[in-house]
Amino acid sequence: KLENELEIVLVSDPETNIAAAALAVAAGQLQDPPEVQGLAHFCEHMLFLGNEKYPGESDFDSFCASSAGYSNAWTSMDRTVYHFMLAHDRLQEALDRFSGFFTCPLFTEDLTERELM
C-alpha cells in the first residue's frame, strides 16, 4: 500500500517483452448522481482526451499503438477500470502518461461538449 492509500499489485516476469498496467477507480454507474446518470462513463471517456503534460486528445492511445500495444477502459456498476499493454521498454514513459489521467486531466470545454453529444 502506498502512502496515499493506493494498493498496488506487481507481477513481474523477466522472460516477457510485454508490460501492462491497470487502475481501478471505485466509481461506477451506482455512484452516478440521479440527475447526472452516465457520469462515471463520461469521465472514463474524458480521461483519455489529454492532460496537462500530454494535452493531445489521442496522445496516450497513439503512444500505446506506436509501442506495439493498446489502451482501453470500462465502467461497471461499482468501478471504472483503465488499462494498457505495450512493449516492456516503454513502461516507464507509459506510466508517466497514464498517471496524468488521474492527476491533471484537462476536461476542456470543447471536448466536454463533443462527448456530451
Foldseek 3Di string as FASTA:
>chain_A
DDPVPDDDDDDDDPVDFKDKDKDKDQDAQQNADPVGGCVVVLLQQQLCQAFDVGRHGNVLQVVQVVQVKGWDWDGDNGIIMTMMMGGPVCVVVSVVRNVRSPPTGDCDPVVSVVSVD
